[in-house]
Structure formats: structure tokens, C-alpha cells
Amino acid sequence: MSSFRINLIIVFFILSIESFGQTATIKIDTSYCSSDFYRRFDSILFCFNGISFYGSEKKMIKIKLNKDFDQCYYINHHDTTRFYTKFLKNKKYVLTPGVSQLFKLKPKRNFRCGSMRFCNDKKTDLGFICDDGFIKDTVKTNTTYKSKRYGDYDDLWNKLRIYSVVKLEYFSIEDIYAIDPTQLDSIIIEKKKYRLTSIGYYFLHGEKLTLRLNDNNKLLFLSLDGYLTNKEIKNIRISKKNN
């Protein structure tokens, strides 16, 4: 075996060990919250990359990082919500009870919201929704949609975001509810028929993401295109002030 091949094997082995051993640390902080918020947060079961813990735990939690996206979920009562995020190696994060949401997750320093775009390469127009209506737009076939509202850096954006791709009939069902709010229960059932798929993501470091549907219009392909630059963030903040 040549020395070049030996060196190549050694480098690959070292990189594999480094990737396998990469971790991040999460600290649960409930020191500032009221007893009502703590009791709600206390019973939530979290699971990050296979590491499970309750909101009541006070210890530092070490998370082994995935090579691509980190897979997470939480269980509140009997409801399970799955989502993705992107931890960075050797970084420290803080998990706290939320006020308008169940919890907040952020880096100990320099939290940055990111951007999400949806590429519609299907043969029909589709709807793209964030948080069941906070963002709601039609995406024409063979076009790419990028939200203009992704850059708020206040507490409003420090939360788990749920993105959905729907058939356009979904919006017609919502219009019915605007006319007759008493039909809410039946409308919720109807809306499920037109929701193709959903994905949850928690931004931490200014990730720039792209979503695509698979060939069966069910699962979403999620890719990381990089991170927001300081210039992009500056432009976002200027735009926010002018709105």
C-alpha cells in the first residue's frame, strides 16, 4: 500500500472520530420564571438527537451532534412535536420556559434568526405557510419563494417555527372560517385534506435554509445553504425599521 493511501486513510479516520465526538451543551434555566410557567415547562419531555430529559432537570446536558441537521422532539401531555435545528460544536445553549410559547432555545451568546425559502419545482402552484398563517403566500410553479419577514430579532422570532406546504384549496377553506367562525371544528378537519406536509425548525445561528418537496409531495428536503452575513443582517434591521 502506498504512503499516499495510508495517509488518506489516517486523515479519514481522524475526521470520522472528530465528527463522531462533536458535542454541544444545553443548560436549563428556570430562575426567572413564575411558578405557573415552571409547572408547565417542568413536565415537558425533550429529546435532542436521542438524548431525553425533562424540563425539571437542573444538570448540564451534553448533546452529540449529527453530521447534518439535529433531530429533536418534545412531548407535552400526549402531543409530540418534531423539529430540526442546527447546533454547533462546543457551543453552549440555554433552554427556558416560554410565555407565548412552551419554551425558548437559544445560544448563550449571539442568537440569530435565519431565513427559509421554498422552491416549487412541481407542475402546480402551491401554498407556503409559516405558523398557520403568520406567513401565507402562493408559490407559482417553477419559482422560489423567500419570506421578506424572516429577519425580526426580537422574542417573536425566538421560537419553534412550523412551515407547511399546502394545496391552494387550503386558502379557500380559511376564507370560509373568516365568514363563519362557528365552523372552526369542521374547517380544521377540511384543512388537513389539503396540507401536503409540514416541517418544524428552530433557528439558532442565522441559518439559510431551502425546502423542496419530494416526488410524492409528502416529505420535505431540507438543505443548509450557509449562514446570514453581517451585511444581510444589517439590511434586515434597516428594512424592519422602515416598515
C-alpha atoms as a PDB file:
ATOM      1  CA  MET A   1       0.000   0.000   0.000  1.00  0.00           C
ATOM      2  CA  SER A   2       1.371   3.389  -0.992  1.00  0.00           C
ATOM      3  CA  SER A   3       2.174   6.065   1.588  1.00  0.00           C
ATOM      4  CA  PHE A   4      -0.422   8.333  -0.063  1.00  0.00           C
ATOM      5  CA  ARG A   5      -3.213   5.817   0.515  1.00  0.00           C
ATOM      6  CA  ILE A   6      -2.078   5.244   4.091  1.00  0.00           C
ATOM      7  CA  ASN A   7      -2.097   8.977   4.788  1.00  0.00           C
ATOM      8  CA  LEU A   8      -5.534   9.277   3.193  1.00  0.00           C
ATOM      9  CA  ILE A   9      -6.919   6.517   5.433  1.00  0.00           C
ATOM     10  CA  ILE A  10      -5.442   8.187   8.519  1.00  0.00           C
ATOM     11  CA  VAL A  11      -6.974  11.544   7.625  1.00  0.00           C
ATOM     12  CA  PHE A  12     -10.375   9.933   7.006  1.00  0.00           C
ATOM     13  CA  PHE A  13     -10.144   8.089  10.336  1.00  0.00           C
ATOM     14  CA  ILE A  14      -9.302  11.287  12.227  1.00  0.00           C
ATOM     15  CA  LEU A  15     -12.161  13.195  10.574  1.00  0.00           C
ATOM     16  CA  SER A  16     -14.585  10.377  11.421  1.00  0.00           C
ATOM     17  CA  ILE A  17     -13.548  10.460  15.089  1.00  0.00           C
ATOM     18  CA  GLU A  18     -13.882  14.244  15.240  1.00  0.00           C
ATOM     19  CA  SER A  19     -17.344  14.148  13.655  1.00  0.00           C
ATOM     20  CA  PHE A  20     -18.498  11.374  15.974  1.00  0.00           C
ATOM     21  CA  GLY A  21     -17.231  13.142  19.078  1.00  0.00           C
ATOM     22  CA  GLN A  22     -18.677  16.612  18.410  1.00  0.00           C
ATOM     23  CA  THR A  23     -20.985  17.834  21.156  1.00  0.00           C
ATOM     24  CA  ALA A  24     -22.897  20.876  22.384  1.00  0.00           C
ATOM     25  CA  THR A  25     -24.111  21.671  25.902  1.00  0.00           C
ATOM     26  CA  ILE A  26     -27.601  22.687  26.996  1.00  0.00           C
ATOM     27  CA  LYS A  27     -28.410  24.352  30.320  1.00  0.00           C
ATOM     28  CA  ILE A  28     -31.982  24.524  31.606  1.00  0.00           C
ATOM     29  CA  ASP A  29     -32.686  27.882  33.237  1.00  0.00           C
ATOM     30  CA  THR A  30     -35.951  28.425  35.139  1.00  0.00           C
ATOM     31  CA  SER A  31     -34.620  31.023  37.567  1.00  0.00           C
ATOM     32  CA  TYR A  32     -36.582  33.955  36.191  1.00  0.00           C
ATOM     33  CA  CYS A  33     -39.985  32.375  35.512  1.00  0.00           C
ATOM     34  CA  SER A  34     -43.128  32.293  37.630  1.00  0.00           C
ATOM     35  CA  SER A  35     -44.370  29.088  39.238  1.00  0.00           C
ATOM     36  CA  ASP A  36     -47.187  28.719  36.664  1.00  0.00           C
ATOM     37  CA  PHE A  37     -44.810  28.745  33.703  1.00  0.00           C
ATOM     38  CA  TYR A  38     -42.373  26.459  35.517  1.00  0.00           C
ATOM     39  CA  ARG A  39     -45.032  23.816  36.248  1.00  0.00           C
ATOM     40  CA  ARG A  40     -45.988  23.715  32.589  1.00  0.00           C
ATOM     41  CA  PHE A  41     -42.363  23.542  31.430  1.00  0.00           C
ATOM     42  CA  ASP A  42     -41.425  21.087  34.172  1.00  0.00           C
ATOM     43  CA  SER A  43     -43.478  18.246  32.693  1.00  0.00           C
ATOM     44  CA  ILE A  44     -42.289  18.562  29.079  1.00  0.00           C
ATOM     45  CA  LEU A  45     -40.142  15.678  27.838  1.00  0.00           C
ATOM     46  CA  PHE A  46     -37.452  16.807  25.381  1.00  0.00           C
ATOM     47  CA  CYS A  47     -35.357  14.605  23.127  1.00  0.00           C
ATOM     48  CA  PHE A  48     -32.403  16.013  21.149  1.00  0.00           C
ATOM     49  CA  ASN A  49     -30.526  13.520  18.954  1.00  0.00           C
ATOM     50  CA  GLY A  50     -31.670  10.642  21.126  1.00  0.00           C
ATOM     51  CA  ILE A  51     -30.832  12.304  24.464  1.00  0.00           C
ATOM     52  CA  SER A  52     -34.034  12.580  26.546  1.00  0.00           C
ATOM     53  CA  PHE A  53     -34.636  14.834  29.552  1.00  0.00           C
ATOM     54  CA  TYR A  54     -37.421  16.704  31.324  1.00  0.00           C
ATOM     55  CA  GLY A  55     -37.724  20.434  31.779  1.00  0.00           C
ATOM     56  CA  SER A  56     -37.343  19.881  35.522  1.00  0.00           C
ATOM     57  CA  GLU A  57     -33.741  18.662  35.225  1.00  0.00           C
ATOM     58  CA  LYS A  58     -31.077  21.061  36.506  1.00  0.00           C
ATOM     59  CA  LYS A  59     -27.947  19.357  35.206  1.00  0.00           C
ATOM     60  CA  MET A  60     -25.930  20.369  32.163  1.00  0.00           C
ATOM     61  CA  ILE A  61     -26.986  18.201  29.223  1.00  0.00           C
ATOM     62  CA  LYS A  62     -24.443  17.187  26.611  1.00  0.00           C
ATOM     63  CA  ILE A  63     -25.798  16.533  23.113  1.00  0.00           C
ATOM     64  CA  LYS A  64     -23.941  14.548  20.469  1.00  0.00           C
ATOM     65  CA  LEU A  65     -24.256  16.385  17.172  1.00  0.00           C
ATOM     66  CA  ASN A  66     -25.457  14.945  13.893  1.00  0.00           C
ATOM     67  CA  LYS A  67     -23.440  15.429  10.750  1.00  0.00           C
ATOM     68  CA  ASP A  68     -26.323  17.238   9.032  1.00  0.00           C
ATOM     69  CA  PHE A  69     -29.349  18.516  10.981  1.00  0.00           C
ATOM     70  CA  ASP A  70     -30.059  17.750  14.600  1.00  0.00           C
ATOM     71  CA  GLN A  71     -33.314  15.869  15.106  1.00  0.00           C
ATOM     72  CA  CYS A  72     -35.453  16.889  18.060  1.00  0.00           C
ATOM     73  CA  TYR A  73     -38.895  16.434  19.531  1.00  0.00           C
ATOM     74  CA  TYR A  74     -40.796  17.283  22.668  1.00  0.00           C
ATOM     75  CA  ILE A  75     -43.846  15.705  24.308  1.00  0.00           C
ATOM     76  CA  ASN A  76     -46.331  17.967  26.054  1.00  0.00           C
ATOM     77  CA  HIS A  77     -49.086  15.923  27.701  1.00  0.00           C
ATOM     78  CA  HIS A  78     -49.830  13.430  24.914  1.00  0.00           C
ATOM     79  CA  ASP A  79     -48.824  15.595  21.960  1.00  0.00           C
ATOM     80  CA  THR A  80     -45.491  15.002  20.212  1.00  0.00           C
ATOM     81  CA  THR A  81     -43.940  17.758  18.092  1.00  0.00           C
ATOM     82  CA  ARG A  82     -40.887  17.013  15.967  1.00  0.00           C
ATOM     83  CA  PHE A  83     -38.475  19.609  14.626  1.00  0.00           C
ATOM     84  CA  TYR A  84     -34.964  20.179  13.322  1.00  0.00           C
ATOM     85  CA  THR A  85     -32.245  22.581  14.373  1.00  0.00           C
ATOM     86  CA  LYS A  86     -28.508  23.033  13.866  1.00  0.00           C
ATOM     87  CA  PHE A  87     -26.328  23.031  16.955  1.00  0.00           C
ATOM     88  CA  LEU A  88     -22.670  23.996  16.589  1.00  0.00           C
ATOM     89  CA  LYS A  89     -19.869  22.051  18.191  1.00  0.00           C
ATOM     90  CA  ASN A  90     -18.612  23.179  21.604  1.00  0.00           C
ATOM     91  CA  LYS A  91     -21.332  25.832  21.828  1.00  0.00           C
ATOM     92  CA  LYS A  92     -23.471  26.392  24.929  1.00  0.00           C
ATOM     93  CA  TYR A  93     -27.248  26.766  24.709  1.00  0.00           C
ATOM     94  CA  VAL A  94     -29.955  27.796  27.149  1.00  0.00           C
ATOM     95  CA  LEU A  95     -33.407  26.186  27.323  1.00  0.00           C
ATOM     96  CA  THR A  96     -36.003  28.214  29.234  1.00  0.00           C
ATOM     97  CA  PRO A  97     -39.793  28.271  29.759  1.00  0.00           C
ATOM     98  CA  GLY A  98     -41.646  30.495  27.312  1.00  0.00           C
ATOM     99  CA  VAL A  99     -44.507  32.896  27.826  1.00  0.00           C
ATOM    100  CA  SER A 100     -46.328  32.917  24.478  1.00  0.00           C
ATOM    101  CA  GLN A 101     -44.812  29.518  23.613  1.00  0.00           C
ATOM    102  CA  LEU A 102     -43.885  26.447  25.653  1.00  0.00           C
ATOM    103  CA  PHE A 103     -40.133  27.017  25.623  1.00  0.00           C
ATOM    104  CA  LYS A 104     -37.266  29.026  24.204  1.00  0.00           C
ATOM    105  CA  LEU A 105     -33.971  27.642  22.933  1.00  0.00           C
ATOM    106  CA  LYS A 106     -31.066  29.930  22.121  1.00  0.00           C
ATOM    107  CA  PRO A 107     -27.266  30.066  22.125  1.00  0.00           C
ATOM    108  CA  LYS A 108     -25.773  31.516  25.262  1.00  0.00           C
ATOM    109  CA  ARG A 109     -24.439  34.297  23.025  1.00  0.00           C
ATOM    110  CA  ASN A 110     -25.356  35.744  19.636  1.00  0.00           C
ATOM    111  CA  PHE A 111     -28.760  34.313  18.794  1.00  0.00           C
ATOM    112  CA  ARG A 112     -29.631  34.893  15.136  1.00  0.00           C
ATOM    113  CA  CYS A 113     -32.827  34.082  13.338  1.00  0.00           C
ATOM    114  CA  GLY A 114     -32.381  32.717   9.832  1.00  0.00           C
ATOM    115  CA  SER A 115     -34.159  32.561   6.500  1.00  0.00           C
ATOM    116  CA  MET A 116     -36.331  29.920   4.873  1.00  0.00           C
ATOM    117  CA  ARG A 117     -37.106  29.662   1.180  1.00  0.00           C
ATOM    118  CA  PHE A 118     -39.321  27.190  -0.647  1.00  0.00           C
ATOM    119  CA  CYS A 119     -38.531  26.021  -4.171  1.00  0.00           C
ATOM    120  CA  ASN A 120     -41.642  24.920  -6.021  1.00  0.00           C
ATOM    121  CA  ASP A 121     -40.422  22.758  -8.881  1.00  0.00           C
ATOM    122  CA  LYS A 122     -43.787  20.998  -9.212  1.00  0.00           C
ATOM    123  CA  LYS A 123     -46.252  21.332 -12.086  1.00  0.00           C
ATOM    124  CA  THR A 124     -48.871  23.137  -9.984  1.00  0.00           C
ATOM    125  CA  ASP A 125     -48.937  26.274  -7.855  1.00  0.00           C
ATOM    126  CA  LEU A 126     -48.707  25.611  -4.128  1.00  0.00           C
ATOM    127  CA  GLY A 127     -49.255  27.490  -0.896  1.00  0.00           C
ATOM    128  CA  PHE A 128     -46.483  28.130   1.622  1.00  0.00           C
ATOM    129  CA  ILE A 129     -47.429  28.833   5.247  1.00  0.00           C
ATOM    130  CA  CYS A 130     -45.494  29.632   8.397  1.00  0.00           C
ATOM    131  CA  ASP A 131     -47.113  29.121  11.812  1.00  0.00           C
ATOM    132  CA  ASP A 132     -50.572  28.581  10.347  1.00  0.00           C
ATOM    133  CA  GLY A 133     -50.868  31.994   8.813  1.00  0.00           C
ATOM    134  CA  PHE A 134     -48.149  34.301  10.132  1.00  0.00           C
ATOM    135  CA  ILE A 135     -46.673  33.985   6.648  1.00  0.00           C
ATOM    136  CA  LYS A 136     -49.053  32.880   3.906  1.00  0.00           C
ATOM    137  CA  ASP A 137     -48.295  33.074   0.199  1.00  0.00           C
ATOM    138  CA  THR A 138     -48.896  31.363  -3.111  1.00  0.00           C
ATOM    139  CA  VAL A 139     -45.764  29.998  -4.802  1.00  0.00           C
ATOM    140  CA  LYS A 140     -46.043  29.664  -8.559  1.00  0.00           C
ATOM    141  CA  THR A 141     -44.767  26.548 -10.263  1.00  0.00           C
ATOM    142  CA  ASN A 142     -41.021  26.536 -11.034  1.00  0.00           C
ATOM    143  CA  THR A 143     -40.385  29.542  -8.801  1.00  0.00           C
ATOM    144  CA  THR A 144     -38.662  30.116  -5.469  1.00  0.00           C
ATOM    145  CA  TYR A 145     -40.334  31.905  -2.565  1.00  0.00           C
ATOM    146  CA  LYS A 146     -38.336  33.677   0.121  1.00  0.00           C
ATOM    147  CA  SER A 147     -40.065  35.316   3.038  1.00  0.00           C
ATOM    148  CA  LYS A 148     -39.481  39.046   3.435  1.00  0.00           C
ATOM    149  CA  ARG A 149     -40.305  38.827   7.129  1.00  0.00           C
ATOM    150  CA  TYR A 150     -37.676  36.404   8.317  1.00  0.00           C
ATOM    151  CA  GLY A 151     -35.326  38.910   9.913  1.00  0.00           C
ATOM    152  CA  ASP A 152     -37.025  40.071  13.105  1.00  0.00           C
ATOM    153  CA  TYR A 153     -34.645  39.633  16.004  1.00  0.00           C
ATOM    154  CA  ASP A 154     -36.990  40.198  18.918  1.00  0.00           C
ATOM    155  CA  ASP A 155     -38.661  37.496  21.010  1.00  0.00           C
ATOM    156  CA  LEU A 156     -41.289  36.990  18.332  1.00  0.00           C
ATOM    157  CA  TRP A 157     -38.766  35.065  16.264  1.00  0.00           C
ATOM    158  CA  ASN A 158     -37.076  33.175  19.074  1.00  0.00           C
ATOM    159  CA  LYS A 159     -39.432  30.249  18.818  1.00  0.00           C
ATOM    160  CA  LEU A 160     -40.045  26.999  17.014  1.00  0.00           C
ATOM    161  CA  ARG A 161     -41.387  27.742  13.536  1.00  0.00           C
ATOM    162  CA  ILE A 162     -43.679  25.348  11.687  1.00  0.00           C
ATOM    163  CA  TYR A 163     -43.606  25.550   7.878  1.00  0.00           C
ATOM    164  CA  SER A 164     -46.282  23.888   5.736  1.00  0.00           C
ATOM    165  CA  VAL A 165     -46.805  23.297   2.038  1.00  0.00           C
ATOM    166  CA  VAL A 166     -50.465  23.121   1.028  1.00  0.00           C
ATOM    167  CA  LYS A 167     -52.718  22.890  -1.990  1.00  0.00           C
ATOM    168  CA  LEU A 168     -54.311  26.211  -2.897  1.00  0.00           C
ATOM    169  CA  GLU A 169     -57.744  24.921  -1.829  1.00  0.00           C
ATOM    170  CA  TYR A 170     -56.425  25.279   1.731  1.00  0.00           C
ATOM    171  CA  PHE A 171     -56.789  29.059   1.473  1.00  0.00           C
ATOM    172  CA  SER A 172     -60.409  28.781   0.338  1.00  0.00           C
ATOM    173  CA  ILE A 173     -61.229  26.808   3.474  1.00  0.00           C
ATOM    174  CA  GLU A 174     -59.679  29.567   5.584  1.00  0.00           C
ATOM    175  CA  ASP A 175     -61.916  32.112   3.842  1.00  0.00           C
ATOM    176  CA  ILE A 176     -64.967  30.146   4.981  1.00  0.00           C
ATOM    177  CA  TYR A 177     -63.850  30.467   8.590  1.00  0.00           C
ATOM    178  CA  ALA A 178     -63.490  34.236   8.168  1.00  0.00           C
ATOM    179  CA  ILE A 179     -67.169  34.343   7.152  1.00  0.00           C
ATOM    180  CA  ASP A 180     -68.464  31.841   9.724  1.00  0.00           C
ATOM    181  CA  PRO A 181     -66.172  31.288  12.779  1.00  0.00           C
ATOM    182  CA  THR A 182     -68.637  28.758  14.236  1.00  0.00           C
ATOM    183  CA  GLN A 183     -67.430  26.250  11.632  1.00  0.00           C
ATOM    184  CA  LEU A 184     -63.950  26.013  13.179  1.00  0.00           C
ATOM    185  CA  ASP A 185     -64.019  22.285  14.053  1.00  0.00           C
ATOM    186  CA  SER A 186     -65.145  21.163  10.607  1.00  0.00           C
ATOM    187  CA  ILE A 187     -62.747  23.592   8.927  1.00  0.00           C
ATOM    188  CA  ILE A 188     -59.768  22.131  10.830  1.00  0.00           C
ATOM    189  CA  ILE A 189     -60.693  18.684   9.504  1.00  0.00           C
ATOM    190  CA  GLU A 190     -61.084  20.001   5.970  1.00  0.00           C
ATOM    191  CA  LYS A 191     -57.763  21.852   6.041  1.00  0.00           C
ATOM    192  CA  LYS A 192     -55.908  18.617   6.819  1.00  0.00           C
ATOM    193  CA  LYS A 193     -57.001  17.243   3.436  1.00  0.00           C
ATOM    194  CA  TYR A 194     -55.089  19.986   1.631  1.00  0.00           C
ATOM    195  CA  ARG A 195     -51.940  20.097   3.775  1.00  0.00           C
ATOM    196  CA  LEU A 196     -49.253  18.217   1.861  1.00  0.00           C
ATOM    197  CA  THR A 197     -46.571  18.247   4.525  1.00  0.00           C
ATOM    198  CA  SER A 198     -45.108  20.253   7.403  1.00  0.00           C
ATOM    199  CA  ILE A 199     -41.707  20.681   8.995  1.00  0.00           C
ATOM    200  CA  GLY A 200     -40.577  22.364  12.195  1.00  0.00           C
ATOM    201  CA  TYR A 201     -37.315  24.259  12.545  1.00  0.00           C
ATOM    202  CA  TYR A 202     -35.713  26.217  15.389  1.00  0.00           C
ATOM    203  CA  PHE A 203     -33.253  28.849  14.142  1.00  0.00           C
ATOM    204  CA  LEU A 204     -30.174  29.440  16.288  1.00  0.00           C
ATOM    205  CA  HIS A 205     -27.273  30.871  14.273  1.00  0.00           C
ATOM    206  CA  GLY A 206     -28.743  32.642  11.246  1.00  0.00           C
ATOM    207  CA  GLU A 207     -29.150  29.549   9.092  1.00  0.00           C
ATOM    208  CA  LYS A 208     -30.179  29.997   5.461  1.00  0.00           C
ATOM    209  CA  LEU A 209     -32.387  27.048   4.524  1.00  0.00           C
ATOM    210  CA  THR A 210     -34.135  25.711   1.433  1.00  0.00           C
ATOM    211  CA  LEU A 211     -37.180  23.416   1.350  1.00  0.00           C
ATOM    212  CA  ARG A 212     -38.258  21.157  -1.500  1.00  0.00           C
ATOM    213  CA  LEU A 213     -40.978  18.543  -1.775  1.00  0.00           C
ATOM    214  CA  ASN A 214     -40.061  15.016  -2.760  1.00  0.00           C
ATOM    215  CA  ASP A 215     -41.574  13.290  -5.792  1.00  0.00           C
ATOM    216  CA  ASN A 216     -44.535  12.026  -3.761  1.00  0.00           C
ATOM    217  CA  ASN A 217     -45.410  15.534  -2.499  1.00  0.00           C
ATOM    218  CA  LYS A 218     -45.097  14.331   1.073  1.00  0.00           C
ATOM    219  CA  LEU A 219     -41.666  14.729   2.637  1.00  0.00           C
ATOM    220  CA  LEU A 220     -39.624  17.901   2.517  1.00  0.00           C
ATOM    221  CA  PHE A 221     -35.970  18.007   1.574  1.00  0.00           C
ATOM    222  CA  LEU A 222     -34.208  20.480   3.842  1.00  0.00           C
ATOM    223  CA  SER A 223     -30.787  21.857   2.923  1.00  0.00           C
ATOM    224  CA  LEU A 224     -28.431  24.277   4.640  1.00  0.00           C
ATOM    225  CA  ASP A 225     -27.179  26.928   2.218  1.00  0.00           C
ATOM    226  CA  GLY A 226     -24.962  28.797   4.702  1.00  0.00           C
ATOM    227  CA  TYR A 227     -25.464  31.483   7.330  1.00  0.00           C
ATOM    228  CA  LEU A 228     -26.627  35.095   7.179  1.00  0.00           C
ATOM    229  CA  THR A 229     -23.749  37.544   6.848  1.00  0.00           C
ATOM    230  CA  ASN A 230     -23.416  40.680   8.976  1.00  0.00           C
ATOM    231  CA  LYS A 231     -24.305  42.723   5.883  1.00  0.00           C
ATOM    232  CA  GLU A 232     -27.509  40.760   5.349  1.00  0.00           C
ATOM    233  CA  ILE A 233     -28.476  41.172   8.991  1.00  0.00           C
ATOM    234  CA  LYS A 234     -27.800  44.915   8.808  1.00  0.00           C
ATOM    235  CA  ASN A 235     -30.037  45.226   5.748  1.00  0.00           C
ATOM    236  CA  ILE A 236     -32.777  43.261   7.513  1.00  0.00           C
ATOM    237  CA  ARG A 237     -32.707  45.563  10.526  1.00  0.00           C
ATOM    238  CA  ILE A 238     -32.800  48.681   8.326  1.00  0.00           C
ATOM    239  CA  SER A 239     -35.770  47.224   6.422  1.00  0.00           C
ATOM    240  CA  LYS A 240     -37.526  46.416   9.700  1.00  0.00           C
ATOM    241  CA  LYS A 241     -37.173  49.985  10.959  1.00  0.00           C
ATOM    242  CA  ASN A 242     -38.632  51.355   7.747  1.00  0.00           C
ATOM    243  CA  ASN A 243     -41.730  49.106   7.908  1.00  0.00           C
END
